[in-house]
Amino acid sequence: MKHFKVIFSPNALTDIEKATDYYNEQKAGLGKRFAQQVQSTLKTIKGNPYFSSIR
């Protein structure tokens, strides 16, 4: 199975970092859980990029 590379714009990376910081401010460890979910979702997208529609 071919895996694809996911490329983020600098703005997207900044948004993910800000969201992680925000969640950590709301509750300890929540930002870490968010970051782990982002990584998990990216792994799914890389493994099966045609799973959902292209936006």
Protein backbone atom coordinates (compact mmCIF):
# COMPACT_ATOMS: atom_id res chain seq x y z
CA MET A 1 0.00 0.00 0.00
CA LYS A 2 1.38 3.38 -0.98
CA HIS A 3 1.59 6.00 1.75
CA PHE A 4 1.33 9.69 1.00
CA LYS A 5 3.10 12.65 2.53
CA VAL A 6 0.96 15.27 4.28
CA ILE A 7 2.28 18.81 3.97
CA PHE A 8 1.18 21.62 6.28
CA SER A 9 1.40 25.32 5.65
CA PRO A 10 3.23 27.31 8.34
CA ASN A 11 -0.14 28.81 9.35
CA ALA A 12 -1.64 25.36 9.90
CA LEU A 13 1.27 24.34 12.12
CA THR A 14 0.88 27.55 14.12
CA ASP A 15 -2.85 26.85 14.53
CA ILE A 16 -2.15 23.33 15.82
CA GLU A 17 0.42 24.68 18.31
CA LYS A 18 -2.00 27.38 19.50
CA ALA A 19 -4.80 24.84 19.89
CA THR A 20 -2.51 22.55 21.88
CA ASP A 21 -1.54 25.44 24.17
CA TYR A 22 -5.18 26.45 24.57
CA TYR A 23 -6.25 22.94 25.56
CA ASN A 24 -3.37 22.68 28.03
CA GLU A 25 -4.57 25.91 29.64
CA GLN A 26 -8.07 24.47 30.00
CA LYS A 27 -6.95 21.25 31.64
CA ALA A 28 -3.56 19.68 32.28
CA GLY A 29 -2.80 17.00 29.72
CA LEU A 30 -5.65 17.93 27.39
CA GLY A 31 -3.28 19.54 24.89
CA LYS A 32 -1.22 16.37 24.81
CA ARG A 33 -4.35 14.33 24.08
CA PHE A 34 -5.24 16.76 21.29
CA ALA A 35 -1.77 16.48 19.74
CA GLN A 36 -1.95 12.68 19.93
CA GLN A 37 -5.30 12.73 18.15
CA VAL A 38 -3.88 14.97 15.42
CA GLN A 39 -1.01 12.48 14.93
CA SER A 40 -3.43 9.55 14.85
CA THR A 41 -5.63 11.27 12.28
CA LEU A 42 -2.61 12.10 10.12
CA LYS A 43 -1.52 8.47 10.20
CA THR A 44 -4.99 7.45 9.00
CA ILE A 45 -4.94 10.04 6.21
CA LYS A 46 -1.46 8.99 5.08
CA GLY A 47 -2.48 5.34 4.96
CA ASN A 48 -5.80 5.89 3.20
CA PRO A 49 -5.96 9.35 1.58
CA TYR A 50 -9.08 8.50 -0.43
CA PHE A 51 -11.10 7.59 2.68
CA SER A 52 -13.01 10.88 2.55
CA SER A 53 -13.64 13.71 0.14
CA ILE A 54 -10.91 16.15 -0.90
CA ARG A 55 -11.31 19.70 0.38
